[in-house]
Amino acid sequence: MDRSGIFAGDDPFSIARAWLAEAEPVEPNDPNAIALATVDAAGMPNVRMVLLKDIEADAFVFYTNYGSKKGQEIAASGKAAFVLHWKSLRRQIRVRGVTEREEGPAADAYYASRSLKSRLGAWASRQSEPLDGRATLMAEVAKVTVQQGPNPARPPFWGGIRIRPVEIEFWADGAFRLHDRFRWTRDSVQADWTVTRLNP
């Protein structure tokens, strides 16, 4: 099986980091934007855009309010999927895996790196819950600004979600829609990877 060029390597996370690095100077907005998929208790899927914040040695990490719809659905199922797509490169990465929370130093460090207004906004927003108007939200921001001060700690209901994949697919556009696709799969997050070339 020919996995030369952009598909070469024995570590899918290294390939993902390399592709993201290529996209950063050419993708107009948010090259780390992912379409994150979850399912509710009835099995109905939900998908939304979030920002991928880290590609670790064996996982992908984003941050959210745990009380949000996505946070609740991930907590209930323990699973998530996403696609990272770059029109500029004509490439995408699809990921499916199991989840765990990141509530330690990495979450604290990322929260502290955000602007003060974003940190206060995380305290103020009851993400995904009904809101009667923007004035109510802004009043809550003013309230938490007084309560939390100029250096707010990370809220206990806000942190990271780590996706440990059992499947990663790398896709690149090909002439005449004869695309190149390589799927990495493993039976568990501790198992070795198997790589399969797929038909377009």
C-alpha atoms as a PDB file:
ATOM      1  CA  MET A   1       0.000   0.000   0.000  1.00  0.00           C
ATOM      2  CA  ASP A   2       1.452   3.332  -1.109  1.00  0.00           C
ATOM      3  CA  ARG A   3       1.307   5.923   1.688  1.00  0.00           C
ATOM      4  CA  SER A   4       3.952   8.298   0.434  1.00  0.00           C
ATOM      5  CA  GLY A   5       3.850  12.086   0.410  1.00  0.00           C
ATOM      6  CA  ILE A   6       1.264  13.739   2.664  1.00  0.00           C
ATOM      7  CA  PHE A   7       0.053  10.348   3.966  1.00  0.00           C
ATOM      8  CA  ALA A   8       3.467   9.036   5.010  1.00  0.00           C
ATOM      9  CA  GLY A   9       4.285   8.167   8.597  1.00  0.00           C
ATOM     10  CA  ASP A  10       3.563   5.720  11.398  1.00  0.00           C
ATOM     11  CA  ASP A  11       1.794   8.175  13.717  1.00  0.00           C
ATOM     12  CA  PRO A  12      -1.625   9.542  12.691  1.00  0.00           C
ATOM     13  CA  PHE A  13      -1.396  12.372  15.232  1.00  0.00           C
ATOM     14  CA  SER A  14       1.848  13.592  13.660  1.00  0.00           C
ATOM     15  CA  ILE A  15       0.183  13.527  10.243  1.00  0.00           C
ATOM     16  CA  ALA A  16      -2.780  15.487  11.636  1.00  0.00           C
ATOM     17  CA  ARG A  17      -0.479  18.100  13.181  1.00  0.00           C
ATOM     18  CA  ALA A  18       1.425  18.427   9.886  1.00  0.00           C
ATOM     19  CA  TRP A  19      -1.778  18.930   7.903  1.00  0.00           C
ATOM     20  CA  LEU A  20      -3.056  21.529  10.371  1.00  0.00           C
ATOM     21  CA  ALA A  21       0.275  23.366  10.187  1.00  0.00           C
ATOM     22  CA  GLU A  22      -0.032  23.457   6.387  1.00  0.00           C
ATOM     23  CA  ALA A  23      -3.573  24.832   6.637  1.00  0.00           C
ATOM     24  CA  GLU A  24      -2.797  27.605   9.132  1.00  0.00           C
ATOM     25  CA  PRO A  25      -1.168  30.076   6.679  1.00  0.00           C
ATOM     26  CA  VAL A  26      -3.655  29.476   3.835  1.00  0.00           C
ATOM     27  CA  GLU A  27      -7.066  28.842   5.445  1.00  0.00           C
ATOM     28  CA  PRO A  28      -8.901  32.204   5.697  1.00  0.00           C
ATOM     29  CA  ASN A  29     -10.551  31.663   9.082  1.00  0.00           C
ATOM     30  CA  ASP A  30     -10.140  29.212  11.956  1.00  0.00           C
ATOM     31  CA  PRO A  31      -8.097  26.411  10.359  1.00  0.00           C
ATOM     32  CA  ASN A  32      -8.693  24.461  13.600  1.00  0.00           C
ATOM     33  CA  ALA A  33     -12.503  24.563  13.285  1.00  0.00           C
ATOM     34  CA  ILE A  34     -14.085  21.130  13.546  1.00  0.00           C
ATOM     35  CA  ALA A  35     -17.654  19.952  12.962  1.00  0.00           C
ATOM     36  CA  LEU A  36     -18.303  18.035  16.188  1.00  0.00           C
ATOM     37  CA  ALA A  37     -20.976  15.319  16.207  1.00  0.00           C
ATOM     38  CA  THR A  38     -22.743  13.867  19.248  1.00  0.00           C
ATOM     39  CA  VAL A  39     -26.001  11.968  19.804  1.00  0.00           C
ATOM     40  CA  ASP A  40     -28.788  12.568  22.304  1.00  0.00           C
ATOM     41  CA  ALA A  41     -30.535   9.974  24.481  1.00  0.00           C
ATOM     42  CA  ALA A  42     -32.870   9.050  21.609  1.00  0.00           C
ATOM     43  CA  GLY A  43     -29.959   8.519  19.211  1.00  0.00           C
ATOM     44  CA  MET A  44     -30.715  11.736  17.295  1.00  0.00           C
ATOM     45  CA  PRO A  45     -27.443  13.299  16.076  1.00  0.00           C
ATOM     46  CA  ASN A  46     -26.317  16.855  16.701  1.00  0.00           C
ATOM     47  CA  VAL A  47     -23.451  18.640  14.969  1.00  0.00           C
ATOM     48  CA  ARG A  48     -21.878  22.038  15.532  1.00  0.00           C
ATOM     49  CA  MET A  49     -18.617  23.897  14.898  1.00  0.00           C
ATOM     50  CA  VAL A  50     -16.068  24.156  17.718  1.00  0.00           C
ATOM     51  CA  LEU A  51     -12.363  24.950  17.802  1.00  0.00           C
ATOM     52  CA  LEU A  52      -9.827  22.166  18.187  1.00  0.00           C
ATOM     53  CA  LYS A  53      -7.270  23.450  20.687  1.00  0.00           C
ATOM     54  CA  ASP A  54      -4.702  20.668  20.919  1.00  0.00           C
ATOM     55  CA  ILE A  55      -3.497  17.559  19.130  1.00  0.00           C
ATOM     56  CA  GLU A  56      -1.813  15.558  21.855  1.00  0.00           C
ATOM     57  CA  ALA A  57       0.332  12.439  21.517  1.00  0.00           C
ATOM     58  CA  ASP A  58      -2.777  10.247  21.442  1.00  0.00           C
ATOM     59  CA  ALA A  59      -5.841  12.512  21.514  1.00  0.00           C
ATOM     60  CA  PHE A  60      -7.627  15.626  20.252  1.00  0.00           C
ATOM     61  CA  VAL A  61      -8.823  18.301  22.709  1.00  0.00           C
ATOM     62  CA  PHE A  62     -11.434  21.068  22.616  1.00  0.00           C
ATOM     63  CA  TYR A  63     -13.033  23.135  25.393  1.00  0.00           C
ATOM     64  CA  THR A  64     -16.647  23.770  26.329  1.00  0.00           C
ATOM     65  CA  ASN A  65     -19.248  24.353  29.017  1.00  0.00           C
ATOM     66  CA  TYR A  66     -20.023  20.896  30.412  1.00  0.00           C
ATOM     67  CA  GLY A  67     -23.649  21.925  30.892  1.00  0.00           C
ATOM     68  CA  SER A  68     -24.091  22.644  27.185  1.00  0.00           C
ATOM     69  CA  LYS A  69     -26.007  20.286  24.934  1.00  0.00           C
ATOM     70  CA  LYS A  70     -22.787  18.836  23.558  1.00  0.00           C
ATOM     71  CA  GLY A  71     -21.321  18.523  27.047  1.00  0.00           C
ATOM     72  CA  GLN A  72     -24.356  16.642  28.299  1.00  0.00           C
ATOM     73  CA  GLU A  73     -24.513  14.355  25.277  1.00  0.00           C
ATOM     74  CA  ILE A  74     -20.807  13.518  25.506  1.00  0.00           C
ATOM     75  CA  ALA A  75     -21.149  12.821  29.236  1.00  0.00           C
ATOM     76  CA  ALA A  76     -24.040  10.430  28.560  1.00  0.00           C
ATOM     77  CA  SER A  77     -22.524   8.506  25.652  1.00  0.00           C
ATOM     78  CA  GLY A  78     -18.793   8.800  26.286  1.00  0.00           C
ATOM     79  CA  LYS A  79     -18.284   9.119  22.518  1.00  0.00           C
ATOM     80  CA  ALA A  80     -17.912  11.823  19.851  1.00  0.00           C
ATOM     81  CA  ALA A  81     -16.863  12.308  16.251  1.00  0.00           C
ATOM     82  CA  PHE A  82     -15.634  15.227  14.209  1.00  0.00           C
ATOM     83  CA  VAL A  83     -14.430  16.273  10.778  1.00  0.00           C
ATOM     84  CA  LEU A  84     -11.686  18.816  10.148  1.00  0.00           C
ATOM     85  CA  HIS A  85     -12.022  20.170   6.589  1.00  0.00           C
ATOM     86  CA  TRP A  86      -9.826  22.593   4.688  1.00  0.00           C
ATOM     87  CA  LYS A  87     -11.125  23.935   1.378  1.00  0.00           C
ATOM     88  CA  SER A  88      -7.757  25.594   0.739  1.00  0.00           C
ATOM     89  CA  LEU A  89      -5.898  22.256   0.855  1.00  0.00           C
ATOM     90  CA  ARG A  90      -8.778  20.106  -0.412  1.00  0.00           C
ATOM     91  CA  ARG A  91      -8.248  17.768   2.524  1.00  0.00           C
ATOM     92  CA  GLN A  92     -10.154  16.522   5.517  1.00  0.00           C
ATOM     93  CA  ILE A  93      -9.625  14.402   8.610  1.00  0.00           C
ATOM     94  CA  ARG A  94     -12.457  12.387  10.154  1.00  0.00           C
ATOM     95  CA  VAL A  95     -12.202  11.153  13.749  1.00  0.00           C
ATOM     96  CA  ARG A  96     -14.367   8.888  15.923  1.00  0.00           C
ATOM     97  CA  GLY A  97     -13.538   7.973  19.480  1.00  0.00           C
ATOM     98  CA  VAL A  98     -14.179   7.814  23.183  1.00  0.00           C
ATOM     99  CA  THR A  99     -14.112  10.862  25.419  1.00  0.00           C
ATOM    100  CA  GLU A 100     -12.845  12.008  28.770  1.00  0.00           C
ATOM    101  CA  ARG A 101     -12.765  15.346  30.547  1.00  0.00           C
ATOM    102  CA  GLU A 102      -9.672  17.506  30.856  1.00  0.00           C
ATOM    103  CA  GLU A 103     -10.115  19.364  34.147  1.00  0.00           C
ATOM    104  CA  GLY A 104      -6.485  19.615  35.235  1.00  0.00           C
ATOM    105  CA  PRO A 105      -3.564  21.963  34.586  1.00  0.00           C
ATOM    106  CA  ALA A 106      -4.056  21.907  30.800  1.00  0.00           C
ATOM    107  CA  ALA A 107      -7.615  23.224  31.180  1.00  0.00           C
ATOM    108  CA  ASP A 108      -6.499  25.850  33.692  1.00  0.00           C
ATOM    109  CA  ALA A 109      -3.693  26.996  31.378  1.00  0.00           C
ATOM    110  CA  TYR A 110      -5.931  27.264  28.329  1.00  0.00           C
ATOM    111  CA  TYR A 111      -8.624  29.126  30.289  1.00  0.00           C
ATOM    112  CA  ALA A 112      -5.999  31.576  31.611  1.00  0.00           C
ATOM    113  CA  SER A 113      -4.738  32.200  28.042  1.00  0.00           C
ATOM    114  CA  ARG A 114      -8.126  33.527  26.906  1.00  0.00           C
ATOM    115  CA  SER A 115      -9.029  37.202  26.982  1.00  0.00           C
ATOM    116  CA  LEU A 116     -10.583  38.485  30.220  1.00  0.00           C
ATOM    117  CA  LYS A 117     -13.913  39.092  28.479  1.00  0.00           C
ATOM    118  CA  SER A 118     -13.962  35.516  27.180  1.00  0.00           C
ATOM    119  CA  ARG A 119     -13.152  34.175  30.646  1.00  0.00           C
ATOM    120  CA  LEU A 120     -15.960  36.216  32.192  1.00  0.00           C
ATOM    121  CA  GLY A 121     -18.268  35.157  29.365  1.00  0.00           C
ATOM    122  CA  ALA A 122     -17.659  31.514  30.276  1.00  0.00           C
ATOM    123  CA  TRP A 123     -18.920  32.285  33.796  1.00  0.00           C
ATOM    124  CA  ALA A 124     -21.918  34.263  32.548  1.00  0.00           C
ATOM    125  CA  SER A 125     -23.283  31.966  29.833  1.00  0.00           C
ATOM    126  CA  ARG A 126     -25.621  29.114  30.708  1.00  0.00           C
ATOM    127  CA  GLN A 127     -24.747  27.590  27.355  1.00  0.00           C
ATOM    128  CA  SER A 128     -27.597  26.005  25.372  1.00  0.00           C
ATOM    129  CA  GLU A 129     -30.279  27.095  27.887  1.00  0.00           C
ATOM    130  CA  PRO A 130     -33.109  29.455  26.794  1.00  0.00           C
ATOM    131  CA  LEU A 131     -32.324  33.191  27.003  1.00  0.00           C
ATOM    132  CA  ASP A 132     -35.041  35.882  27.050  1.00  0.00           C
ATOM    133  CA  GLY A 133     -32.821  38.570  25.554  1.00  0.00           C
ATOM    134  CA  ARG A 134     -29.279  39.834  25.111  1.00  0.00           C
ATOM    135  CA  ALA A 135     -29.790  42.384  27.888  1.00  0.00           C
ATOM    136  CA  THR A 136     -30.186  39.527  30.356  1.00  0.00           C
ATOM    137  CA  LEU A 137     -26.911  37.999  29.220  1.00  0.00           C
ATOM    138  CA  MET A 138     -25.057  41.307  29.455  1.00  0.00           C
ATOM    139  CA  ALA A 139     -26.462  41.894  32.940  1.00  0.00           C
ATOM    140  CA  GLU A 140     -25.077  38.498  33.945  1.00  0.00           C
ATOM    141  CA  VAL A 141     -21.683  39.429  32.478  1.00  0.00           C
ATOM    142  CA  ALA A 142     -21.692  42.631  34.572  1.00  0.00           C
ATOM    143  CA  LYS A 143     -22.626  40.639  37.669  1.00  0.00           C
ATOM    144  CA  VAL A 144     -19.867  38.034  37.276  1.00  0.00           C
ATOM    145  CA  THR A 145     -17.362  40.772  36.456  1.00  0.00           C
ATOM    146  CA  VAL A 146     -17.927  42.180  39.949  1.00  0.00           C
ATOM    147  CA  GLN A 147     -18.014  38.732  41.560  1.00  0.00           C
ATOM    148  CA  GLN A 148     -14.973  37.215  39.831  1.00  0.00           C
ATOM    149  CA  GLY A 149     -12.720  40.259  39.522  1.00  0.00           C
ATOM    150  CA  PRO A 150      -9.845  40.779  37.062  1.00  0.00           C
ATOM    151  CA  ASN A 151      -8.390  37.270  37.321  1.00  0.00           C
ATOM    152  CA  PRO A 152     -11.264  34.772  37.387  1.00  0.00           C
ATOM    153  CA  ALA A 153     -10.539  31.114  38.065  1.00  0.00           C
ATOM    154  CA  ARG A 154     -11.726  28.518  35.580  1.00  0.00           C
ATOM    155  CA  PRO A 155     -15.407  27.728  36.227  1.00  0.00           C
ATOM    156  CA  PRO A 156     -15.990  24.207  37.597  1.00  0.00           C
ATOM    157  CA  PHE A 157     -18.535  23.617  34.819  1.00  0.00           C
ATOM    158  CA  TRP A 158     -16.117  24.562  32.012  1.00  0.00           C
ATOM    159  CA  GLY A 159     -13.141  22.609  30.724  1.00  0.00           C
ATOM    160  CA  GLY A 160     -11.722  20.326  28.104  1.00  0.00           C
ATOM    161  CA  ILE A 161     -13.036  17.284  26.290  1.00  0.00           C
ATOM    162  CA  ARG A 162     -10.371  14.869  25.103  1.00  0.00           C
ATOM    163  CA  ILE A 163     -11.278  12.550  22.219  1.00  0.00           C
ATOM    164  CA  ARG A 164      -9.186   9.391  22.108  1.00  0.00           C
ATOM    165  CA  PRO A 165      -9.815   8.013  18.632  1.00  0.00           C
ATOM    166  CA  VAL A 166     -10.460   4.456  17.563  1.00  0.00           C
ATOM    167  CA  GLU A 167     -10.766   5.620  13.939  1.00  0.00           C
ATOM    168  CA  ILE A 168      -9.058   8.374  11.957  1.00  0.00           C
ATOM    169  CA  GLU A 169      -9.501   8.859   8.224  1.00  0.00           C
ATOM    170  CA  PHE A 170      -7.274  11.078   6.107  1.00  0.00           C
ATOM    171  CA  TRP A 171      -8.845  12.253   2.836  1.00  0.00           C
ATOM    172  CA  ALA A 172      -7.285  14.256   0.010  1.00  0.00           C
ATOM    173  CA  ASP A 173      -8.931  15.447  -3.179  1.00  0.00           C
ATOM    174  CA  GLY A 174      -8.003  13.585  -6.332  1.00  0.00           C
ATOM    175  CA  ALA A 175      -8.451  14.284 -10.037  1.00  0.00           C
ATOM    176  CA  PHE A 176     -11.780  13.134 -11.521  1.00  0.00           C
ATOM    177  CA  ARG A 177     -13.060  12.549  -7.946  1.00  0.00           C
ATOM    178  CA  LEU A 178     -10.615   9.667  -7.544  1.00  0.00           C
ATOM    179  CA  HIS A 179      -9.755  10.793  -4.023  1.00  0.00           C
ATOM    180  CA  ASP A 180      -7.113   9.278  -1.741  1.00  0.00           C
ATOM    181  CA  ARG A 181      -8.446   7.907   1.539  1.00  0.00           C
ATOM    182  CA  PHE A 182      -6.572   6.106   4.314  1.00  0.00           C
ATOM    183  CA  ARG A 183      -8.425   4.865   7.386  1.00  0.00           C
ATOM    184  CA  TRP A 184      -6.558   4.141  10.623  1.00  0.00           C
ATOM    185  CA  THR A 185      -8.491   1.860  12.994  1.00  0.00           C
ATOM    186  CA  ARG A 186      -7.866   0.124  16.304  1.00  0.00           C
ATOM    187  CA  ASP A 187     -10.044  -2.015  18.582  1.00  0.00           C
ATOM    188  CA  SER A 188      -9.373   0.154  21.644  1.00  0.00           C
ATOM    189  CA  VAL A 189      -7.351   3.223  22.570  1.00  0.00           C
ATOM    190  CA  GLN A 190      -4.572   0.920  23.831  1.00  0.00           C
ATOM    191  CA  ALA A 191      -4.417  -1.207  20.665  1.00  0.00           C
ATOM    192  CA  ASP A 192      -2.141  -0.845  17.636  1.00  0.00           C
ATOM    193  CA  TRP A 193      -3.352   0.844  14.494  1.00  0.00           C
ATOM    194  CA  THR A 194      -4.348  -0.897  11.267  1.00  0.00           C
ATOM    195  CA  VAL A 195      -4.248   1.228   8.111  1.00  0.00           C
ATOM    196  CA  THR A 196      -6.533   0.539   5.157  1.00  0.00           C
ATOM    197  CA  ARG A 197      -6.715   2.311   1.834  1.00  0.00           C
ATOM    198  CA  LEU A 198     -10.348   3.017   0.886  1.00  0.00           C
ATOM    199  CA  ASN A 199     -12.037   3.506  -2.451  1.00  0.00           C
ATOM    200  CA  PRO A 200     -12.938   7.134  -3.213  1.00  0.00           C
END
